[in-house]
Amino acid sequence: MTVQHIHARVEGRGLRPETVAERLNLPVADVSEALANYHRNPEEMREIETHRKAVADESETLEKPD
């Protein structure tokens, strides 16, 4: 489970932290800490997202075996 995954559910989908915690079987404190970490480290979060997108784009251009 990543910080971005939790952020996407709470702030992207508008779910309550308690709902996300329950669905992911996590303590609410962990969800709150993940959100705090996301907002404390915006540059790191952008770098991670840029890297993930680059990997995804690269995998789309690889030749698939016959």
N, C-alpha and C. Protein backbone atom coordinates (compact mmCIF):
# COMPACT_ATOMS: atom_id res chain seq x y z
N MET A 1 0.85 -1.17 0.00
CA MET A 1 0.00 0.00 0.00
C MET A 1 0.89 1.23 0.00
N THR A 2 0.63 2.13 -0.92
CA THR A 2 1.47 3.33 -1.01
C THR A 2 0.73 4.56 -0.50
N VAL A 3 1.52 5.56 -0.19
CA VAL A 3 0.97 6.85 0.23
C VAL A 3 0.08 7.41 -0.87
N GLN A 4 0.52 7.27 -2.13
CA GLN A 4 -0.26 7.77 -3.25
C GLN A 4 -1.59 7.05 -3.36
N HIS A 5 -1.60 5.76 -3.10
CA HIS A 5 -2.83 4.96 -3.15
C HIS A 5 -3.84 5.49 -2.13
N ILE A 6 -3.37 5.72 -0.94
CA ILE A 6 -4.25 6.24 0.11
C ILE A 6 -4.72 7.65 -0.23
N HIS A 7 -3.81 8.48 -0.68
CA HIS A 7 -4.17 9.85 -1.07
C HIS A 7 -5.23 9.85 -2.16
N ALA A 8 -5.06 8.99 -3.16
CA ALA A 8 -6.02 8.93 -4.27
C ALA A 8 -7.42 8.56 -3.78
N ARG A 9 -7.51 7.72 -2.79
CA ARG A 9 -8.83 7.31 -2.30
C ARG A 9 -9.48 8.38 -1.42
N VAL A 10 -8.67 9.00 -0.57
CA VAL A 10 -9.24 10.00 0.34
C VAL A 10 -9.49 11.31 -0.40
N GLU A 11 -8.47 11.85 -1.03
CA GLU A 11 -8.61 13.17 -1.64
C GLU A 11 -9.05 13.10 -3.10
N GLY A 12 -8.72 12.02 -3.77
CA GLY A 12 -9.12 11.88 -5.17
C GLY A 12 -10.56 11.43 -5.33
N ARG A 13 -10.96 10.45 -4.52
CA ARG A 13 -12.32 9.92 -4.61
C ARG A 13 -13.27 10.51 -3.58
N GLY A 14 -12.71 11.24 -2.63
CA GLY A 14 -13.55 11.88 -1.62
C GLY A 14 -14.03 10.95 -0.52
N LEU A 15 -13.32 9.82 -0.33
CA LEU A 15 -13.71 8.91 0.75
C LEU A 15 -13.18 9.43 2.08
N ARG A 16 -13.88 9.11 3.13
CA ARG A 16 -13.44 9.49 4.47
C ARG A 16 -12.25 8.63 4.87
N PRO A 17 -11.29 9.17 5.61
CA PRO A 17 -10.14 8.37 6.05
C PRO A 17 -10.58 7.10 6.80
N GLU A 18 -11.65 7.20 7.56
CA GLU A 18 -12.14 6.02 8.30
C GLU A 18 -12.61 4.92 7.33
N THR A 19 -13.23 5.34 6.24
CA THR A 19 -13.69 4.38 5.24
C THR A 19 -12.51 3.69 4.57
N VAL A 20 -11.51 4.47 4.19
CA VAL A 20 -10.33 3.91 3.56
C VAL A 20 -9.62 2.96 4.51
N ALA A 21 -9.49 3.37 5.76
CA ALA A 21 -8.84 2.51 6.76
C ALA A 21 -9.58 1.19 6.90
N GLU A 22 -10.88 1.25 6.97
CA GLU A 22 -11.68 0.03 7.12
C GLU A 22 -11.52 -0.88 5.90
N ARG A 23 -11.61 -0.30 4.70
CA ARG A 23 -11.51 -1.10 3.48
C ARG A 23 -10.13 -1.73 3.30
N LEU A 24 -9.10 -1.04 3.78
CA LEU A 24 -7.74 -1.54 3.62
C LEU A 24 -7.24 -2.27 4.86
N ASN A 25 -8.11 -2.39 5.85
CA ASN A 25 -7.75 -3.07 7.10
C ASN A 25 -6.52 -2.42 7.74
N LEU A 26 -6.57 -1.09 7.86
CA LEU A 26 -5.50 -0.30 8.45
C LEU A 26 -6.05 0.52 9.60
N PRO A 27 -5.21 0.84 10.56
CA PRO A 27 -5.64 1.80 11.59
C PRO A 27 -5.85 3.18 10.95
N VAL A 28 -6.82 3.92 11.42
CA VAL A 28 -7.07 5.27 10.91
C VAL A 28 -5.83 6.14 11.07
N ALA A 29 -5.08 5.93 12.13
CA ALA A 29 -3.85 6.71 12.35
C ALA A 29 -2.86 6.51 11.21
N ASP A 30 -2.79 5.30 10.64
CA ASP A 30 -1.89 5.04 9.52
C ASP A 30 -2.35 5.80 8.27
N VAL A 31 -3.64 5.85 8.05
CA VAL A 31 -4.17 6.60 6.91
C VAL A 31 -3.86 8.09 7.09
N SER A 32 -4.06 8.60 8.28
CA SER A 32 -3.77 10.01 8.56
C SER A 32 -2.29 10.31 8.38
N GLU A 33 -1.44 9.41 8.83
CA GLU A 33 0.01 9.60 8.68
C GLU A 33 0.41 9.56 7.21
N ALA A 34 -0.19 8.68 6.44
CA ALA A 34 0.11 8.62 5.00
C ALA A 34 -0.26 9.93 4.33
N LEU A 35 -1.43 10.47 4.67
CA LEU A 35 -1.85 11.75 4.08
C LEU A 35 -0.92 12.88 4.50
N ALA A 36 -0.51 12.88 5.76
CA ALA A 36 0.41 13.91 6.23
C ALA A 36 1.75 13.80 5.49
N ASN A 37 2.22 12.58 5.31
CA ASN A 37 3.48 12.35 4.60
C ASN A 37 3.37 12.85 3.15
N TYR A 38 2.24 12.57 2.52
CA TYR A 38 2.01 13.03 1.15
C TYR A 38 2.15 14.55 1.07
N HIS A 39 1.53 15.26 1.99
CA HIS A 39 1.54 16.72 1.95
C HIS A 39 2.84 17.34 2.46
N ARG A 40 3.58 16.62 3.29
CA ARG A 40 4.86 17.12 3.78
C ARG A 40 5.95 17.01 2.71
N ASN A 41 5.75 16.13 1.74
CA ASN A 41 6.80 15.82 0.76
C ASN A 41 6.30 15.95 -0.68
N PRO A 42 5.83 17.11 -1.08
CA PRO A 42 5.26 17.23 -2.42
C PRO A 42 6.25 16.95 -3.54
N GLU A 43 7.49 17.37 -3.37
CA GLU A 43 8.50 17.14 -4.42
C GLU A 43 8.75 15.64 -4.58
N GLU A 44 8.89 14.94 -3.49
CA GLU A 44 9.10 13.49 -3.54
C GLU A 44 7.91 12.79 -4.20
N MET A 45 6.70 13.23 -3.88
CA MET A 45 5.51 12.62 -4.46
C MET A 45 5.47 12.85 -5.97
N ARG A 46 5.87 14.05 -6.42
CA ARG A 46 5.92 14.33 -7.86
C ARG A 46 6.97 13.46 -8.55
N GLU A 47 8.12 13.30 -7.90
CA GLU A 47 9.18 12.46 -8.47
C GLU A 47 8.72 11.01 -8.61
N ILE A 48 8.06 10.50 -7.60
CA ILE A 48 7.57 9.12 -7.64
C ILE A 48 6.56 8.97 -8.77
N GLU A 49 5.64 9.90 -8.89
CA GLU A 49 4.63 9.82 -9.95
C GLU A 49 5.26 9.92 -11.34
N THR A 50 6.25 10.80 -11.49
CA THR A 50 6.95 10.93 -12.76
C THR A 50 7.66 9.63 -13.12
N HIS A 51 8.30 9.02 -12.14
CA HIS A 51 9.00 7.74 -12.36
C HIS A 51 8.01 6.64 -12.74
N ARG A 52 6.91 6.55 -12.04
CA ARG A 52 5.90 5.53 -12.35
C ARG A 52 5.35 5.70 -13.76
N LYS A 53 5.10 6.95 -14.15
CA LYS A 53 4.58 7.20 -15.49
C LYS A 53 5.62 6.81 -16.54
N ALA A 54 6.89 7.13 -16.30
CA ALA A 54 7.95 6.78 -17.25
C ALA A 54 8.05 5.26 -17.40
N VAL A 55 7.96 4.53 -16.30
CA VAL A 55 8.02 3.07 -16.36
C VAL A 55 6.82 2.52 -17.13
N ALA A 56 5.65 3.06 -16.87
CA ALA A 56 4.44 2.60 -17.57
C ALA A 56 4.53 2.90 -19.06
N ASP A 57 5.01 4.09 -19.40
CA ASP A 57 5.16 4.46 -20.81
C ASP A 57 6.17 3.55 -21.50
N GLU A 58 7.26 3.25 -20.81
CA GLU A 58 8.29 2.39 -21.37
C GLU A 58 7.76 0.98 -21.59
N SER A 59 6.99 0.48 -20.66
CA SER A 59 6.47 -0.88 -20.80
C SER A 59 5.50 -0.99 -21.98
N GLU A 60 4.84 0.09 -22.32
CA GLU A 60 3.93 0.09 -23.47
C GLU A 60 4.68 0.05 -24.79
N THR A 61 5.93 0.50 -24.80
CA THR A 61 6.68 0.54 -26.04
C THR A 61 7.52 -0.72 -26.25
N LEU A 62 7.62 -1.57 -25.26
CA LEU A 62 8.39 -2.80 -25.41
C LEU A 62 7.67 -3.75 -26.35
N GLU A 63 8.46 -4.48 -27.13
CA GLU A 63 7.87 -5.47 -28.02
C GLU A 63 7.36 -6.65 -27.22
N LYS A 64 6.21 -7.11 -27.58
CA LYS A 64 5.62 -8.25 -26.91
C LYS A 64 6.03 -9.52 -27.67
N PRO A 65 6.33 -10.60 -26.95
CA PRO A 65 6.70 -11.84 -27.63
C PRO A 65 5.53 -12.39 -28.43
N ASP A 66 5.85 -13.08 -29.53
CA ASP A 66 4.81 -13.68 -30.37
C ASP A 66 4.22 -14.91 -29.74
